[in-house]
Amino acid sequence: MTRVDSTASSARATAPGSIGNLGPGLDVLGCALSGARDEVVAEWSDAKGVTVRDPGHTELPVNAERHTSAIAANAVLDAATRMGVHMVAAGVALSVRKGLPLSGGQGGSAASAVAGASAVNALLGSVLDAARLLECCLVAEAKVAGRHLDNIAPQLLGGIVLVKSVTPIDVVRLPVPDKLIFVLAHPSQRLSTSVARRALPRSVDLSIVTHQLAQVAAVVAACYTNDVELFGRAIDDRIAEPARLHLLPGFAEAKRAALEAGALGASISGAGPTSFAVTDDHVRAEAIAAAMKEAYARVPLPCVTTITTIDRHGTIVETS
């Protein structure tokens, strides 16, 4: 995470989008993506606690108890207060700019939480380390999506992250394969994380669990051996993806089209509806994007495709 320590009157943080549940890694693998980002500006305020001046979208709440950026920011204030950090004003005010889609499967609510927590931390002089910031972001994520780190950890730290444990927090940044390219296909649909979570099975056959463990291990191995082809082959989710197919019109056809166009692997981004495909070639990425877009069009669903790579920097903070 890039930070500028300063006693400042305002701080600006931007957090990248992400793919949570990366392939077979339900709740344990995630990666940050280059491109669109959520931005939060934090300023000192005479109003006590956290207030939201601009929620970033007309459909998002101004109520600080319901906006993820404010929930995480308030957790930072609480943690800093317990550490004895001096507040130079009664509270902080947040202004949010949403670059990520709502309920789009690209970690939008988590990115707002990470940016909000990071901006307020910078305003306080960067008193919290990364582990404590993750704890504050978890407070917000737990209220809207569940107690998961697979989006917020890579958004804060950058890169590809393995979540070894949530309690206590234990995350591992993995090496990023050199030629790893992602194609995102975002159909004109929204799917809330809570609805997608409810579709997950309550029990899983042992053979499926064994398969899933092998694929997660293969993703980790691919990262350490710089093997994009193995990375793509390991994107084989037999738990969440089959359970959510009925919630995602056009996904099965888009995945099939991506693989036929040469993708090394494809799956659902986060809880959906965005889907993603993996390749190691920019020309092939263009063909995959076109194939996925055409597949969604036959549903018919308008679809926006993006070709991107891993964001290695994570959250960026500036103070003024």
C-alpha atoms as a PDB file:
ATOM      1  CA  MET A   1       0.000   0.000   0.000  1.00  0.00           C
ATOM      2  CA  THR A   2       1.346   3.461  -0.928  1.00  0.00           C
ATOM      3  CA  ARG A   3       0.865   6.020   1.853  1.00  0.00           C
ATOM      4  CA  VAL A   4       2.011   9.560   2.610  1.00  0.00           C
ATOM      5  CA  ASP A   5       2.305  10.159   6.365  1.00  0.00           C
ATOM      6  CA  SER A   6       1.353  13.712   7.251  1.00  0.00           C
ATOM      7  CA  THR A   7      -0.602  15.861   9.654  1.00  0.00           C
ATOM      8  CA  ALA A   8      -3.089  17.008   7.054  1.00  0.00           C
ATOM      9  CA  SER A   9      -6.371  18.824   6.680  1.00  0.00           C
ATOM     10  CA  SER A  10      -7.573  16.303   4.092  1.00  0.00           C
ATOM     11  CA  ALA A  11      -6.581  12.957   2.651  1.00  0.00           C
ATOM     12  CA  ARG A  12      -7.561  11.211  -0.577  1.00  0.00           C
ATOM     13  CA  ALA A  13      -7.451   7.449  -1.044  1.00  0.00           C
ATOM     14  CA  THR A  14      -8.236   5.358  -4.103  1.00  0.00           C
ATOM     15  CA  ALA A  15      -8.732   1.592  -4.045  1.00  0.00           C
ATOM     16  CA  PRO A  16      -8.809  -0.729  -7.073  1.00  0.00           C
ATOM     17  CA  GLY A  17     -11.465  -3.166  -8.067  1.00  0.00           C
ATOM     18  CA  SER A  18     -10.873  -6.853  -7.484  1.00  0.00           C
ATOM     19  CA  ILE A  19     -11.850 -10.408  -8.251  1.00  0.00           C
ATOM     20  CA  GLY A  20     -12.874 -12.154  -5.039  1.00  0.00           C
ATOM     21  CA  ASN A  21     -13.412 -15.925  -4.878  1.00  0.00           C
ATOM     22  CA  LEU A  22     -10.732 -16.074  -7.566  1.00  0.00           C
ATOM     23  CA  GLY A  23     -11.572 -19.224  -9.520  1.00  0.00           C
ATOM     24  CA  PRO A  24     -11.663 -22.091  -7.011  1.00  0.00           C
ATOM     25  CA  GLY A  25     -10.662 -19.827  -4.113  1.00  0.00           C
ATOM     26  CA  LEU A  26     -14.047 -19.187  -2.484  1.00  0.00           C
ATOM     27  CA  ASP A  27     -13.316 -16.623   0.262  1.00  0.00           C
ATOM     28  CA  VAL A  28      -9.575 -17.448   0.207  1.00  0.00           C
ATOM     29  CA  LEU A  29      -8.163 -16.091  -3.087  1.00  0.00           C
ATOM     30  CA  GLY A  30      -8.497 -12.610  -4.555  1.00  0.00           C
ATOM     31  CA  CYS A  31      -6.639 -10.212  -6.799  1.00  0.00           C
ATOM     32  CA  ALA A  32      -6.593  -6.468  -7.374  1.00  0.00           C
ATOM     33  CA  LEU A  33      -7.220  -5.228 -10.927  1.00  0.00           C
ATOM     34  CA  SER A  34      -5.832  -2.264 -12.804  1.00  0.00           C
ATOM     35  CA  GLY A  35      -8.375   0.243 -14.089  1.00  0.00           C
ATOM     36  CA  ALA A  36     -11.433   1.665 -12.374  1.00  0.00           C
ATOM     37  CA  ARG A  37     -11.057   2.677  -8.724  1.00  0.00           C
ATOM     38  CA  ASP A  38     -13.196   4.010  -5.885  1.00  0.00           C
ATOM     39  CA  GLU A  39     -12.067   7.286  -4.330  1.00  0.00           C
ATOM     40  CA  VAL A  40     -12.725   8.699  -0.864  1.00  0.00           C
ATOM     41  CA  VAL A  41     -11.670  12.151   0.348  1.00  0.00           C
ATOM     42  CA  ALA A  42     -11.621  12.580   4.127  1.00  0.00           C
ATOM     43  CA  GLU A  43     -11.604  15.994   5.793  1.00  0.00           C
ATOM     44  CA  TRP A  44     -11.801  17.156   9.384  1.00  0.00           C
ATOM     45  CA  SER A  45     -15.294  18.143  10.450  1.00  0.00           C
ATOM     46  CA  ASP A  46     -16.935  19.883  13.406  1.00  0.00           C
ATOM     47  CA  ALA A  47     -19.651  17.196  13.396  1.00  0.00           C
ATOM     48  CA  LYS A  48     -18.890  14.351  15.775  1.00  0.00           C
ATOM     49  CA  GLY A  49     -17.934  10.984  14.330  1.00  0.00           C
ATOM     50  CA  VAL A  50     -18.193  10.262  10.607  1.00  0.00           C
ATOM     51  CA  THR A  51     -20.490  12.045   8.177  1.00  0.00           C
ATOM     52  CA  VAL A  52     -21.001  11.367   4.487  1.00  0.00           C
ATOM     53  CA  ARG A  53     -21.076  14.516   2.366  1.00  0.00           C
ATOM     54  CA  ASP A  54     -21.302  12.675  -0.938  1.00  0.00           C
ATOM     55  CA  PRO A  55     -22.089   8.926  -1.073  1.00  0.00           C
ATOM     56  CA  GLY A  56     -20.741   8.639  -4.611  1.00  0.00           C
ATOM     57  CA  HIS A  57     -23.964   7.406  -6.193  1.00  0.00           C
ATOM     58  CA  THR A  58     -27.622   8.369  -5.975  1.00  0.00           C
ATOM     59  CA  GLU A  59     -28.524   4.841  -4.870  1.00  0.00           C
ATOM     60  CA  LEU A  60     -26.011   4.731  -2.025  1.00  0.00           C
ATOM     61  CA  PRO A  61     -26.950   5.869   1.505  1.00  0.00           C
ATOM     62  CA  VAL A  62     -25.828   9.114   3.102  1.00  0.00           C
ATOM     63  CA  ASN A  63     -26.388   7.443   6.468  1.00  0.00           C
ATOM     64  CA  ALA A  64     -22.902   6.782   7.873  1.00  0.00           C
ATOM     65  CA  GLU A  65     -24.103   3.576   9.530  1.00  0.00           C
ATOM     66  CA  ARG A  66     -24.948   2.052   6.142  1.00  0.00           C
ATOM     67  CA  HIS A  67     -22.226   3.299   3.769  1.00  0.00           C
ATOM     68  CA  THR A  68     -19.212   0.975   3.776  1.00  0.00           C
ATOM     69  CA  SER A  69     -16.678   3.804   3.512  1.00  0.00           C
ATOM     70  CA  ALA A  70     -18.105   5.440   6.628  1.00  0.00           C
ATOM     71  CA  ILE A  71     -18.439   2.187   8.575  1.00  0.00           C
ATOM     72  CA  ALA A  72     -14.771   1.409   7.959  1.00  0.00           C
ATOM     73  CA  ALA A  73     -13.759   5.003   8.670  1.00  0.00           C
ATOM     74  CA  ASN A  74     -15.581   4.930  11.983  1.00  0.00           C
ATOM     75  CA  ALA A  75     -13.769   1.702  12.888  1.00  0.00           C
ATOM     76  CA  VAL A  76     -10.466   3.476  12.205  1.00  0.00           C
ATOM     77  CA  LEU A  77     -11.460   6.359  14.486  1.00  0.00           C
ATOM     78  CA  ASP A  78     -12.408   3.901  17.216  1.00  0.00           C
ATOM     79  CA  ALA A  79      -9.123   2.004  16.892  1.00  0.00           C
ATOM     80  CA  ALA A  80      -7.083   5.212  16.879  1.00  0.00           C
ATOM     81  CA  THR A  81      -8.931   6.541  19.903  1.00  0.00           C
ATOM     82  CA  ARG A  82      -8.166   3.343  21.815  1.00  0.00           C
ATOM     83  CA  MET A  83      -4.500   3.888  20.948  1.00  0.00           C
ATOM     84  CA  GLY A  84      -4.622   7.375  22.422  1.00  0.00           C
ATOM     85  CA  VAL A  85      -4.405   9.235  19.125  1.00  0.00           C
ATOM     86  CA  HIS A  86      -5.402  12.902  19.424  1.00  0.00           C
ATOM     87  CA  MET A  87      -8.289  14.109  17.278  1.00  0.00           C
ATOM     88  CA  VAL A  88      -7.822  17.666  16.018  1.00  0.00           C
ATOM     89  CA  ALA A  89     -11.565  18.006  15.318  1.00  0.00           C
ATOM     90  CA  ALA A  90     -14.816  16.420  16.467  1.00  0.00           C
ATOM     91  CA  GLY A  91     -15.007  14.121  13.479  1.00  0.00           C
ATOM     92  CA  VAL A  92     -14.391  13.569   9.779  1.00  0.00           C
ATOM     93  CA  ALA A  93     -16.475  14.051   6.643  1.00  0.00           C
ATOM     94  CA  LEU A  94     -16.223  11.803   3.600  1.00  0.00           C
ATOM     95  CA  SER A  95     -16.800  12.469  -0.083  1.00  0.00           C
ATOM     96  CA  VAL A  96     -16.967   9.362  -2.247  1.00  0.00           C
ATOM     97  CA  ARG A  97     -16.511   8.927  -5.980  1.00  0.00           C
ATOM     98  CA  LYS A  98     -17.590   5.542  -7.310  1.00  0.00           C
ATOM     99  CA  GLY A  99     -15.559   4.218 -10.196  1.00  0.00           C
ATOM    100  CA  LEU A 100     -16.701   0.628  -9.710  1.00  0.00           C
ATOM    101  CA  PRO A 101     -20.188  -0.669 -10.533  1.00  0.00           C
ATOM    102  CA  LEU A 102     -22.815  -1.335  -7.882  1.00  0.00           C
ATOM    103  CA  SER A 103     -23.441  -5.045  -7.209  1.00  0.00           C
ATOM    104  CA  GLY A 104     -21.191  -5.848 -10.139  1.00  0.00           C
ATOM    105  CA  GLY A 105     -18.923  -8.535  -8.732  1.00  0.00           C
ATOM    106  CA  GLN A 106     -15.850  -6.299  -8.868  1.00  0.00           C
ATOM    107  CA  GLY A 107     -15.501  -5.559  -5.154  1.00  0.00           C
ATOM    108  CA  GLY A 108     -17.221  -2.171  -5.232  1.00  0.00           C
ATOM    109  CA  SER A 109     -18.469  -2.060  -1.642  1.00  0.00           C
ATOM    110  CA  ALA A 110     -15.154  -3.393  -0.366  1.00  0.00           C
ATOM    111  CA  ALA A 111     -13.185  -0.799  -2.357  1.00  0.00           C
ATOM    112  CA  SER A 112     -15.193   2.017  -0.784  1.00  0.00           C
ATOM    113  CA  ALA A 113     -14.500   0.560   2.659  1.00  0.00           C
ATOM    114  CA  VAL A 114     -10.775   0.239   1.987  1.00  0.00           C
ATOM    115  CA  ALA A 115     -10.536   3.754   0.556  1.00  0.00           C
ATOM    116  CA  GLY A 116     -12.534   5.222   3.449  1.00  0.00           C
ATOM    117  CA  ALA A 117     -10.446   3.499   6.093  1.00  0.00           C
ATOM    118  CA  SER A 118      -7.181   4.419   4.370  1.00  0.00           C
ATOM    119  CA  ALA A 119      -8.118   8.074   3.892  1.00  0.00           C
ATOM    120  CA  VAL A 120      -9.064   8.533   7.548  1.00  0.00           C
ATOM    121  CA  ASN A 121      -5.954   6.664   8.672  1.00  0.00           C
ATOM    122  CA  ALA A 122      -3.821   9.061   6.628  1.00  0.00           C
ATOM    123  CA  LEU A 123      -5.691  12.014   8.098  1.00  0.00           C
ATOM    124  CA  LEU A 124      -4.683  10.730  11.541  1.00  0.00           C
ATOM    125  CA  GLY A 125      -1.043  10.401  10.534  1.00  0.00           C
ATOM    126  CA  SER A 126      -1.148   6.759   9.360  1.00  0.00           C
ATOM    127  CA  VAL A 127      -1.292   5.398  12.899  1.00  0.00           C
ATOM    128  CA  LEU A 128      -2.707   1.984  11.916  1.00  0.00           C
ATOM    129  CA  ASP A 129      -0.682  -0.675  10.132  1.00  0.00           C
ATOM    130  CA  ALA A 130      -2.063  -2.822   7.311  1.00  0.00           C
ATOM    131  CA  ALA A 131      -3.313  -5.590   9.621  1.00  0.00           C
ATOM    132  CA  ARG A 132      -5.318  -3.148  11.731  1.00  0.00           C
ATOM    133  CA  LEU A 133      -6.683  -1.453   8.627  1.00  0.00           C
ATOM    134  CA  LEU A 134      -7.885  -4.824   7.371  1.00  0.00           C
ATOM    135  CA  GLU A 135      -9.677  -5.359  10.680  1.00  0.00           C
ATOM    136  CA  CYS A 136     -11.431  -1.995  10.279  1.00  0.00           C
ATOM    137  CA  CYS A 137     -12.437  -2.813   6.704  1.00  0.00           C
ATOM    138  CA  LEU A 138     -13.777  -6.180   7.853  1.00  0.00           C
ATOM    139  CA  VAL A 139     -16.223  -4.353  10.107  1.00  0.00           C
ATOM    140  CA  ALA A 140     -17.763  -2.756   7.020  1.00  0.00           C
ATOM    141  CA  GLU A 141     -17.541  -5.842   4.803  1.00  0.00           C
ATOM    142  CA  ALA A 142     -19.259  -7.949   7.479  1.00  0.00           C
ATOM    143  CA  LYS A 143     -22.303  -5.672   7.384  1.00  0.00           C
ATOM    144  CA  VAL A 144     -22.871  -5.862   3.638  1.00  0.00           C
ATOM    145  CA  ALA A 145     -21.231  -9.028   2.323  1.00  0.00           C
ATOM    146  CA  GLY A 146     -19.976 -11.155   5.211  1.00  0.00           C
ATOM    147  CA  ARG A 147     -16.715 -11.433   7.090  1.00  0.00           C
ATOM    148  CA  HIS A 148     -14.413 -12.051   4.127  1.00  0.00           C
ATOM    149  CA  LEU A 149     -10.963 -10.728   3.170  1.00  0.00           C
ATOM    150  CA  ASP A 150     -10.687 -11.932  -0.426  1.00  0.00           C
ATOM    151  CA  ASN A 151     -11.655  -8.505  -1.820  1.00  0.00           C
ATOM    152  CA  ILE A 152     -10.379  -6.049   0.793  1.00  0.00           C
ATOM    153  CA  ALA A 153      -6.939  -7.648   1.274  1.00  0.00           C
ATOM    154  CA  PRO A 154      -5.817  -7.398  -2.379  1.00  0.00           C
ATOM    155  CA  GLN A 155      -7.465  -3.972  -2.693  1.00  0.00           C
ATOM    156  CA  LEU A 156      -5.433  -2.687   0.247  1.00  0.00           C
ATOM    157  CA  LEU A 157      -2.162  -4.501  -0.461  1.00  0.00           C
ATOM    158  CA  GLY A 158      -2.262  -4.989  -4.239  1.00  0.00           C
ATOM    159  CA  GLY A 159      -1.479  -8.123  -6.219  1.00  0.00           C
ATOM    160  CA  ILE A 160      -2.848 -11.626  -5.685  1.00  0.00           C
ATOM    161  CA  VAL A 161      -3.605 -12.544  -2.086  1.00  0.00           C
ATOM    162  CA  LEU A 162      -4.179 -15.837  -0.293  1.00  0.00           C
ATOM    163  CA  VAL A 163      -6.300 -15.517   2.838  1.00  0.00           C
ATOM    164  CA  LYS A 164      -4.910 -18.128   5.241  1.00  0.00           C
ATOM    165  CA  SER A 165      -7.089 -16.987   8.137  1.00  0.00           C
ATOM    166  CA  VAL A 166      -9.615 -14.286   8.999  1.00  0.00           C
ATOM    167  CA  THR A 167      -9.475 -14.755  12.772  1.00  0.00           C
ATOM    168  CA  PRO A 168      -6.687 -13.946  13.365  1.00  0.00           C
ATOM    169  CA  ILE A 169      -5.985 -12.089  10.134  1.00  0.00           C
ATOM    170  CA  ASP A 170      -3.269 -13.877   8.183  1.00  0.00           C
ATOM    171  CA  VAL A 171      -2.865 -13.064   4.494  1.00  0.00           C
ATOM    172  CA  VAL A 172      -0.107 -13.909   2.015  1.00  0.00           C
ATOM    173  CA  ARG A 173       0.729 -11.885  -1.091  1.00  0.00           C
ATOM    174  CA  LEU A 174       1.535 -14.246  -3.944  1.00  0.00           C
ATOM    175  CA  PRO A 175       3.907 -13.573  -6.854  1.00  0.00           C
ATOM    176  CA  VAL A 176       2.117 -12.347  -9.984  1.00  0.00           C
ATOM    177  CA  PRO A 177       2.803 -14.345 -13.164  1.00  0.00           C
ATOM    178  CA  ASP A 178       4.462 -12.058 -15.724  1.00  0.00           C
ATOM    179  CA  LYS A 179       2.051 -12.430 -18.649  1.00  0.00           C
ATOM    180  CA  LEU A 180      -1.198 -12.796 -16.737  1.00  0.00           C
ATOM    181  CA  ILE A 181      -4.057 -10.943 -18.488  1.00  0.00           C
ATOM    182  CA  PHE A 182      -7.709 -10.796 -17.461  1.00  0.00           C
ATOM    183  CA  VAL A 183     -10.736 -10.168 -19.637  1.00  0.00           C
ATOM    184  CA  LEU A 184     -13.742  -8.879 -17.680  1.00  0.00           C
ATOM    185  CA  ALA A 185     -17.263  -9.109 -19.071  1.00  0.00           C
ATOM    186  CA  HIS A 186     -19.815  -7.062 -17.127  1.00  0.00           C
ATOM    187  CA  PRO A 187     -23.378  -7.717 -18.343  1.00  0.00           C
ATOM    188  CA  SER A 188     -26.159  -5.229 -17.697  1.00  0.00           C
ATOM    189  CA  GLN A 189     -27.274  -6.934 -14.504  1.00  0.00           C
ATOM    190  CA  ARG A 190     -26.878  -6.535 -10.750  1.00  0.00           C
ATOM    191  CA  LEU A 191     -26.527  -9.315  -8.221  1.00  0.00           C
ATOM    192  CA  SER A 192     -26.208  -8.603  -4.514  1.00  0.00           C
ATOM    193  CA  THR A 193     -23.630 -10.573  -2.588  1.00  0.00           C
ATOM    194  CA  SER A 194     -26.234 -11.618  -0.030  1.00  0.00           C
ATOM    195  CA  VAL A 195     -28.414 -13.241  -2.718  1.00  0.00           C
ATOM    196  CA  ALA A 196     -25.391 -14.964  -4.260  1.00  0.00           C
ATOM    197  CA  ARG A 197     -24.259 -16.247  -0.833  1.00  0.00           C
ATOM    198  CA  ARG A 198     -27.642 -17.786  -0.172  1.00  0.00           C
ATOM    199  CA  ALA A 199     -27.285 -19.877  -3.322  1.00  0.00           C
ATOM    200  CA  LEU A 200     -24.199 -21.663  -1.991  1.00  0.00           C
ATOM    201  CA  PRO A 201     -24.654 -25.298  -0.931  1.00  0.00           C
ATOM    202  CA  ARG A 202     -24.797 -26.147   2.776  1.00  0.00           C
ATOM    203  CA  SER A 203     -22.779 -29.327   2.253  1.00  0.00           C
ATOM    204  CA  VAL A 204     -20.320 -30.457  -0.423  1.00  0.00           C
ATOM    205  CA  ASP A 205     -19.309 -33.935  -1.513  1.00  0.00           C
ATOM    206  CA  LEU A 206     -15.803 -34.947  -0.410  1.00  0.00           C
ATOM    207  CA  SER A 207     -14.660 -35.527  -4.000  1.00  0.00           C
ATOM    208  CA  ILE A 208     -15.578 -31.930  -4.867  1.00  0.00           C
ATOM    209  CA  VAL A 209     -13.776 -30.611  -1.797  1.00  0.00           C
ATOM    210  CA  THR A 210     -10.673 -32.581  -2.791  1.00  0.00           C
ATOM    211  CA  HIS A 211     -10.854 -31.217  -6.334  1.00  0.00           C
ATOM    212  CA  GLN A 212     -11.275 -27.662  -5.070  1.00  0.00           C
ATOM    213  CA  LEU A 213      -8.298 -27.938  -2.708  1.00  0.00           C
ATOM    214  CA  ALA A 214      -6.146 -29.187  -5.583  1.00  0.00           C
ATOM    215  CA  GLN A 215      -7.130 -26.246  -7.789  1.00  0.00           C
ATOM    216  CA  VAL A 216      -6.366 -23.670  -5.069  1.00  0.00           C
ATOM    217  CA  ALA A 217      -2.977 -25.315  -4.564  1.00  0.00           C
ATOM    218  CA  ALA A 218      -2.439 -25.211  -8.333  1.00  0.00           C
ATOM    219  CA  VAL A 219      -3.161 -21.459  -8.423  1.00  0.00           C
ATOM    220  CA  VAL A 220      -0.564 -20.895  -5.699  1.00  0.00           C
ATOM    221  CA  ALA A 221       1.928 -23.131  -7.508  1.00  0.00           C
ATOM    222  CA  ALA A 222       1.302 -21.274 -10.769  1.00  0.00           C
ATOM    223  CA  CYS A 223       2.037 -17.956  -9.090  1.00  0.00           C
ATOM    224  CA  TYR A 224       5.340 -19.181  -7.670  1.00  0.00           C
ATOM    225  CA  THR A 225       6.411 -20.906 -10.897  1.00  0.00           C
ATOM    226  CA  ASN A 226       5.296 -18.059 -13.190  1.00  0.00           C
ATOM    227  CA  ASP A 227       3.055 -20.477 -15.097  1.00  0.00           C
ATOM    228  CA  VAL A 228       0.056 -18.686 -16.626  1.00  0.00           C
ATOM    229  CA  GLU A 229      -1.135 -21.830 -18.400  1.00  0.00           C
ATOM    230  CA  LEU A 230      -1.357 -23.710 -15.086  1.00  0.00           C
ATOM    231  CA  PHE A 231      -3.048 -20.682 -13.526  1.00  0.00           C
ATOM    232  CA  GLY A 232      -5.721 -20.828 -16.215  1.00  0.00           C
ATOM    233  CA  ARG A 233      -6.241 -24.590 -15.890  1.00  0.00           C
ATOM    234  CA  ALA A 234      -6.719 -24.151 -12.149  1.00  0.00           C
ATOM    235  CA  ILE A 235      -9.633 -21.740 -12.655  1.00  0.00           C
ATOM    236  CA  ASP A 236     -12.070 -24.601 -12.171  1.00  0.00           C
ATOM    237  CA  ASP A 237     -14.673 -23.875  -9.497  1.00  0.00           C
ATOM    238  CA  ARG A 238     -17.063 -26.729  -8.723  1.00  0.00           C
ATOM    239  CA  ILE A 239     -18.669 -25.231  -5.607  1.00  0.00           C
ATOM    240  CA  ALA A 240     -19.852 -21.636  -6.111  1.00  0.00           C
ATOM    241  CA  GLU A 241     -20.031 -21.515  -9.906  1.00  0.00           C
ATOM    242  CA  PRO A 242     -22.525 -24.381 -10.418  1.00  0.00           C
ATOM    243  CA  ALA A 243     -24.648 -23.120  -7.517  1.00  0.00           C
ATOM    244  CA  ARG A 244     -24.919 -19.619  -8.987  1.00  0.00           C
ATOM    245  CA  LEU A 245     -25.515 -20.470 -12.645  1.00  0.00           C
ATOM    246  CA  HIS A 246     -29.277 -19.929 -12.349  1.00  0.00           C
ATOM    247  CA  LEU A 247     -28.632 -16.366 -11.092  1.00  0.00           C
ATOM    248  CA  LEU A 248     -26.410 -15.443 -14.029  1.00  0.00           C
ATOM    249  CA  PRO A 249     -28.147 -15.510 -17.424  1.00  0.00           C
ATOM    250  CA  GLY A 250     -25.629 -15.755 -20.225  1.00  0.00           C
ATOM    251  CA  PHE A 251     -22.649 -16.700 -18.066  1.00  0.00           C
ATOM    252  CA  ALA A 252     -22.428 -20.327 -19.181  1.00  0.00           C
ATOM    253  CA  GLU A 253     -22.552 -19.254 -22.831  1.00  0.00           C
ATOM    254  CA  ALA A 254     -19.971 -16.487 -22.251  1.00  0.00           C
ATOM    255  CA  LYS A 255     -17.612 -18.890 -20.482  1.00  0.00           C
ATOM    256  CA  ARG A 256     -17.937 -21.411 -23.324  1.00  0.00           C
ATOM    257  CA  ALA A 257     -17.290 -18.653 -25.878  1.00  0.00           C
ATOM    258  CA  ALA A 258     -14.220 -17.466 -23.973  1.00  0.00           C
ATOM    259  CA  LEU A 259     -12.715 -20.958 -23.860  1.00  0.00           C
ATOM    260  CA  GLU A 260     -13.449 -21.524 -27.547  1.00  0.00           C
ATOM    261  CA  ALA A 261     -11.712 -18.220 -28.307  1.00  0.00           C
ATOM    262  CA  GLY A 262      -8.574 -19.459 -26.554  1.00  0.00           C
ATOM    263  CA  ALA A 263      -8.977 -18.473 -22.917  1.00  0.00           C
ATOM    264  CA  LEU A 264      -6.875 -20.529 -20.518  1.00  0.00           C
ATOM    265  CA  GLY A 265      -9.662 -20.458 -17.942  1.00  0.00           C
ATOM    266  CA  ALA A 266     -12.841 -18.561 -17.070  1.00  0.00           C
ATOM    267  CA  SER A 267     -15.198 -18.150 -14.139  1.00  0.00           C
ATOM    268  CA  ILE A 268     -17.374 -15.732 -12.137  1.00  0.00           C
ATOM    269  CA  SER A 269     -15.808 -12.587 -10.708  1.00  0.00           C
ATOM    270  CA  GLY A 270     -16.689 -12.413  -7.030  1.00  0.00           C
ATOM    271  CA  ALA A 271     -20.372 -13.171  -6.596  1.00  0.00           C
ATOM    272  CA  GLY A 272     -21.147 -12.010 -10.159  1.00  0.00           C
ATOM    273  CA  PRO A 273     -22.594 -10.892 -12.463  1.00  0.00           C
ATOM    274  CA  THR A 274     -19.207  -9.955 -13.932  1.00  0.00           C
ATOM    275  CA  SER A 275     -17.350 -12.904 -15.412  1.00  0.00           C
ATOM    276  CA  PHE A 276     -13.659 -13.141 -16.247  1.00  0.00           C
ATOM    277  CA  ALA A 277     -11.320 -15.073 -18.499  1.00  0.00           C
ATOM    278  CA  VAL A 278      -7.563 -15.611 -18.287  1.00  0.00           C
ATOM    279  CA  THR A 279      -5.014 -15.409 -21.084  1.00  0.00           C
ATOM    280  CA  ASP A 280      -1.348 -14.583 -21.664  1.00  0.00           C
ATOM    281  CA  ASP A 281      -1.695 -12.869 -25.036  1.00  0.00           C
ATOM    282  CA  HIS A 282      -3.097  -9.397 -25.783  1.00  0.00           C
ATOM    283  CA  VAL A 283      -4.309 -10.275 -29.289  1.00  0.00           C
ATOM    284  CA  ARG A 284      -6.115 -13.331 -27.948  1.00  0.00           C
ATOM    285  CA  ALA A 285      -7.566 -11.183 -25.156  1.00  0.00           C
ATOM    286  CA  GLU A 286      -9.277  -9.020 -27.774  1.00  0.00           C
ATOM    287  CA  ALA A 287     -10.796 -12.097 -29.412  1.00  0.00           C
ATOM    288  CA  ILE A 288     -11.954 -13.438 -26.039  1.00  0.00           C
ATOM    289  CA  ALA A 289     -13.564 -10.098 -25.151  1.00  0.00           C
ATOM    290  CA  ALA A 290     -15.424 -10.007 -28.462  1.00  0.00           C
ATOM    291  CA  ALA A 291     -16.610 -13.600 -28.055  1.00  0.00           C
ATOM    292  CA  MET A 292     -17.904 -13.011 -24.519  1.00  0.00           C
ATOM    293  CA  LYS A 293     -19.682  -9.828 -25.535  1.00  0.00           C
ATOM    294  CA  GLU A 294     -21.352 -11.594 -28.446  1.00  0.00           C
ATOM    295  CA  ALA A 295     -22.446 -14.452 -26.172  1.00  0.00           C
ATOM    296  CA  TYR A 296     -24.132 -12.085 -23.729  1.00  0.00           C
ATOM    297  CA  ALA A 297     -25.747 -10.221 -26.618  1.00  0.00           C
ATOM    298  CA  ARG A 298     -27.551 -13.405 -27.635  1.00  0.00           C
ATOM    299  CA  VAL A 299     -29.293 -13.593 -24.201  1.00  0.00           C
ATOM    300  CA  PRO A 300     -29.834 -10.666 -24.845  1.00  0.00           C
ATOM    301  CA  LEU A 301     -27.836  -8.650 -22.297  1.00  0.00           C
ATOM    302  CA  PRO A 302     -25.734  -5.591 -23.110  1.00  0.00           C
ATOM    303  CA  CYS A 303     -22.197  -6.204 -21.897  1.00  0.00           C
ATOM    304  CA  VAL A 304     -19.102  -4.068 -21.274  1.00  0.00           C
ATOM    305  CA  THR A 305     -15.765  -5.847 -21.651  1.00  0.00           C
ATOM    306  CA  THR A 306     -12.430  -4.756 -20.220  1.00  0.00           C
ATOM    307  CA  ILE A 307      -8.942  -6.126 -20.743  1.00  0.00           C
ATOM    308  CA  THR A 308      -6.788  -5.590 -17.692  1.00  0.00           C
ATOM    309  CA  THR A 309      -3.918  -6.854 -15.551  1.00  0.00           C
ATOM    310  CA  ILE A 310      -3.106  -7.219 -11.868  1.00  0.00           C
ATOM    311  CA  ASP A 311      -2.856  -3.978  -9.883  1.00  0.00           C
ATOM    312  CA  ARG A 312       0.327  -4.432  -7.842  1.00  0.00           C
ATOM    313  CA  HIS A 313       0.037  -1.203  -5.809  1.00  0.00           C
ATOM    314  CA  GLY A 314      -3.271  -1.546  -4.010  1.00  0.00           C
ATOM    315  CA  THR A 315      -4.643   1.491  -2.214  1.00  0.00           C
ATOM    316  CA  ILE A 316      -2.928   4.818  -2.897  1.00  0.00           C
ATOM    317  CA  VAL A 317      -3.178   7.661  -0.404  1.00  0.00           C
ATOM    318  CA  GLU A 318      -2.350  11.343  -0.781  1.00  0.00           C
ATOM    319  CA  THR A 319      -2.594  14.068   1.857  1.00  0.00           C
ATOM    320  CA  SER A 320      -2.869  17.824   1.592  1.00  0.00           C
END
